[in-house]
């Protein structure tokens, strides 16, 4: 596993988001973001990626 600094991660994310900015954000806005803002944006864009949607379809789980 390779360790990466926040500065390196922000640089990689900036390049990625300049090429393909997220909905509602322009490439120019990505260029002007601080590293901290860029990392925060990426976190919130992927905040729920690890949640398994099948958790609510398990047998025995009912909403009344």
N, C-alpha and C. Protein backbone atom coordinates (compact mmCIF):
# COMPACT_ATOMS: atom_id res chain seq x y z
N UNK A 1 0.84 -1.17 0.00
CA UNK A 1 0.00 0.00 0.00
C UNK A 1 0.89 1.24 0.00
N UNK A 2 0.64 2.12 -0.93
CA UNK A 2 1.44 3.35 -1.05
C UNK A 2 0.79 4.46 -0.24
N UNK A 3 1.60 5.14 0.56
CA UNK A 3 1.10 6.28 1.32
C UNK A 3 1.25 7.53 0.48
N UNK A 4 0.29 8.43 0.60
CA UNK A 4 0.28 9.64 -0.19
C UNK A 4 -0.05 10.81 0.74
N UNK A 5 0.60 11.93 0.53
CA UNK A 5 0.33 13.10 1.37
C UNK A 5 -0.93 13.81 0.87
N UNK A 6 -1.48 14.66 1.74
CA UNK A 6 -2.66 15.43 1.34
C UNK A 6 -2.35 16.32 0.15
N UNK A 7 -1.15 16.87 0.11
CA UNK A 7 -0.76 17.75 -1.00
C UNK A 7 -0.74 16.96 -2.31
N UNK A 8 -0.19 15.75 -2.28
CA UNK A 8 -0.16 14.92 -3.48
C UNK A 8 -1.56 14.51 -3.91
N UNK A 9 -2.39 14.15 -2.94
CA UNK A 9 -3.76 13.75 -3.24
C UNK A 9 -4.53 14.92 -3.84
N UNK A 10 -4.38 16.10 -3.26
CA UNK A 10 -5.07 17.29 -3.78
C UNK A 10 -4.63 17.58 -5.21
N UNK A 11 -3.36 17.41 -5.50
CA UNK A 11 -2.85 17.65 -6.85
C UNK A 11 -3.49 16.67 -7.85
N UNK A 12 -3.55 15.39 -7.48
CA UNK A 12 -4.16 14.39 -8.35
C UNK A 12 -5.65 14.66 -8.55
N UNK A 13 -6.35 15.00 -7.46
CA UNK A 13 -7.78 15.29 -7.56
C UNK A 13 -8.04 16.52 -8.40
N UNK A 14 -7.20 17.54 -8.23
CA UNK A 14 -7.36 18.77 -9.01
C UNK A 14 -7.27 18.46 -10.51
N UNK A 15 -6.26 17.68 -10.89
CA UNK A 15 -6.11 17.30 -12.30
C UNK A 15 -7.33 16.53 -12.80
N UNK A 16 -7.81 15.60 -11.97
CA UNK A 16 -8.98 14.79 -12.33
C UNK A 16 -10.22 15.66 -12.50
N UNK A 17 -10.47 16.55 -11.54
CA UNK A 17 -11.68 17.37 -11.57
C UNK A 17 -11.61 18.51 -12.57
N UNK A 18 -10.42 18.92 -12.98
CA UNK A 18 -10.31 19.91 -14.05
C UNK A 18 -10.72 19.28 -15.37
N UNK A 19 -10.31 18.02 -15.58
CA UNK A 19 -10.68 17.31 -16.82
C UNK A 19 -12.16 17.00 -16.84
N UNK A 20 -12.71 16.55 -15.72
CA UNK A 20 -14.13 16.19 -15.62
C UNK A 20 -14.70 16.76 -14.33
N UNK A 21 -15.10 18.05 -14.35
CA UNK A 21 -15.62 18.65 -13.12
C UNK A 21 -16.96 18.03 -12.71
N UNK A 22 -17.19 17.96 -11.40
CA UNK A 22 -18.47 17.44 -10.93
C UNK A 22 -19.61 18.38 -11.32
N UNK A 23 -20.81 17.87 -11.31
CA UNK A 23 -21.98 18.66 -11.66
C UNK A 23 -22.07 19.89 -10.74
N UNK A 24 -22.27 21.04 -11.34
CA UNK A 24 -22.43 22.27 -10.58
C UNK A 24 -21.13 23.01 -10.29
N UNK A 25 -20.01 22.46 -10.77
CA UNK A 25 -18.71 23.08 -10.55
C UNK A 25 -18.00 23.20 -11.90
N UNK A 26 -17.35 24.34 -12.13
CA UNK A 26 -16.62 24.50 -13.39
C UNK A 26 -15.14 24.17 -13.18
N UNK A 27 -14.45 23.94 -14.28
CA UNK A 27 -13.00 23.68 -14.21
C UNK A 27 -12.27 24.85 -13.59
N UNK A 28 -12.71 26.06 -13.90
CA UNK A 28 -12.08 27.26 -13.34
C UNK A 28 -12.24 27.30 -11.83
N UNK A 29 -13.41 26.94 -11.32
CA UNK A 29 -13.62 26.90 -9.87
C UNK A 29 -12.72 25.87 -9.21
N UNK A 30 -12.53 24.73 -9.87
CA UNK A 30 -11.64 23.70 -9.33
C UNK A 30 -10.21 24.23 -9.27
N UNK A 31 -9.77 24.95 -10.30
CA UNK A 31 -8.42 25.52 -10.31
C UNK A 31 -8.20 26.48 -9.15
N UNK A 32 -9.23 27.22 -8.79
CA UNK A 32 -9.11 28.26 -7.76
C UNK A 32 -9.33 27.73 -6.34
N UNK A 33 -9.79 26.49 -6.19
CA UNK A 33 -10.05 25.93 -4.85
C UNK A 33 -8.74 25.71 -4.10
N UNK A 34 -8.81 25.92 -2.78
CA UNK A 34 -7.67 25.55 -1.94
C UNK A 34 -7.61 24.03 -1.88
N UNK A 35 -6.47 23.52 -1.48
CA UNK A 35 -6.33 22.07 -1.34
C UNK A 35 -7.36 21.52 -0.36
N UNK A 36 -7.57 22.24 0.74
CA UNK A 36 -8.52 21.80 1.76
C UNK A 36 -9.94 21.74 1.20
N UNK A 37 -10.34 22.76 0.44
CA UNK A 37 -11.68 22.77 -0.16
C UNK A 37 -11.84 21.63 -1.16
N UNK A 38 -10.80 21.38 -1.91
CA UNK A 38 -10.84 20.31 -2.91
C UNK A 38 -10.99 18.94 -2.24
N UNK A 39 -10.23 18.71 -1.17
CA UNK A 39 -10.34 17.45 -0.44
C UNK A 39 -11.71 17.30 0.20
N UNK A 40 -12.26 18.40 0.73
CA UNK A 40 -13.60 18.36 1.32
C UNK A 40 -14.64 18.02 0.26
N UNK A 41 -14.54 18.64 -0.91
CA UNK A 41 -15.49 18.38 -1.98
C UNK A 41 -15.45 16.90 -2.38
N UNK A 42 -14.24 16.37 -2.53
CA UNK A 42 -14.09 14.97 -2.91
C UNK A 42 -14.68 14.05 -1.84
N UNK A 43 -14.45 14.38 -0.58
CA UNK A 43 -15.01 13.58 0.51
C UNK A 43 -16.52 13.54 0.41
N UNK A 44 -17.15 14.69 0.26
CA UNK A 44 -18.61 14.74 0.23
C UNK A 44 -19.19 14.12 -1.04
N UNK A 45 -18.44 14.15 -2.14
CA UNK A 45 -18.91 13.50 -3.36
C UNK A 45 -18.93 11.98 -3.21
N UNK A 46 -18.05 11.47 -2.35
CA UNK A 46 -17.92 10.01 -2.21
C UNK A 46 -18.26 9.52 -0.81
N UNK A 47 -18.92 10.34 -0.04
CA UNK A 47 -19.21 10.05 1.36
C UNK A 47 -19.98 8.74 1.56
N UNK A 48 -20.91 8.44 0.68
CA UNK A 48 -21.77 7.28 0.87
C UNK A 48 -21.47 6.15 -0.11
N UNK A 49 -20.32 6.18 -0.76
CA UNK A 49 -19.97 5.14 -1.74
C UNK A 49 -19.85 3.76 -1.11
N UNK A 50 -19.48 3.67 0.15
CA UNK A 50 -19.25 2.36 0.78
C UNK A 50 -20.50 1.77 1.42
N UNK A 51 -21.58 2.51 1.41
CA UNK A 51 -22.81 2.00 2.03
C UNK A 51 -23.43 0.95 1.11
N UNK A 52 -23.75 -0.18 1.69
CA UNK A 52 -24.34 -1.29 0.94
C UNK A 52 -25.86 -1.12 0.94
N UNK A 53 -26.44 -0.88 -0.24
CA UNK A 53 -27.88 -0.66 -0.36
C UNK A 53 -28.69 -1.90 0.01
N UNK A 54 -28.06 -3.06 0.04
CA UNK A 54 -28.78 -4.30 0.35
C UNK A 54 -29.10 -4.43 1.83
N UNK A 55 -28.53 -3.58 2.67
CA UNK A 55 -28.78 -3.66 4.11
C UNK A 55 -30.26 -3.55 4.43
N UNK A 56 -31.00 -2.82 3.62
CA UNK A 56 -32.40 -2.59 3.92
C UNK A 56 -33.31 -3.65 3.30
N UNK A 57 -32.75 -4.55 2.55
CA UNK A 57 -33.59 -5.57 1.92
C UNK A 57 -33.41 -6.93 2.60
N UNK A 58 -32.72 -6.97 3.72
CA UNK A 58 -32.51 -8.23 4.41
C UNK A 58 -33.81 -8.75 4.99
N UNK A 59 -33.91 -10.06 5.01
CA UNK A 59 -35.10 -10.71 5.56
C UNK A 59 -35.27 -10.32 7.03
N UNK A 60 -36.49 -9.99 7.41
CA UNK A 60 -36.76 -9.64 8.78
C UNK A 60 -36.72 -8.14 9.05
N UNK A 61 -36.38 -7.35 8.07
CA UNK A 61 -36.36 -5.90 8.26
C UNK A 61 -37.63 -5.32 7.65
N UNK A 62 -38.47 -4.76 8.49
CA UNK A 62 -39.75 -4.23 8.00
C UNK A 62 -39.96 -2.83 8.54
N UNK A 63 -40.58 -1.99 7.75
CA UNK A 63 -41.01 -0.65 8.20
C UNK A 63 -42.51 -0.68 8.35
N UNK A 64 -43.02 -0.24 9.47
CA UNK A 64 -44.45 -0.21 9.70
C UNK A 64 -44.94 1.22 9.73
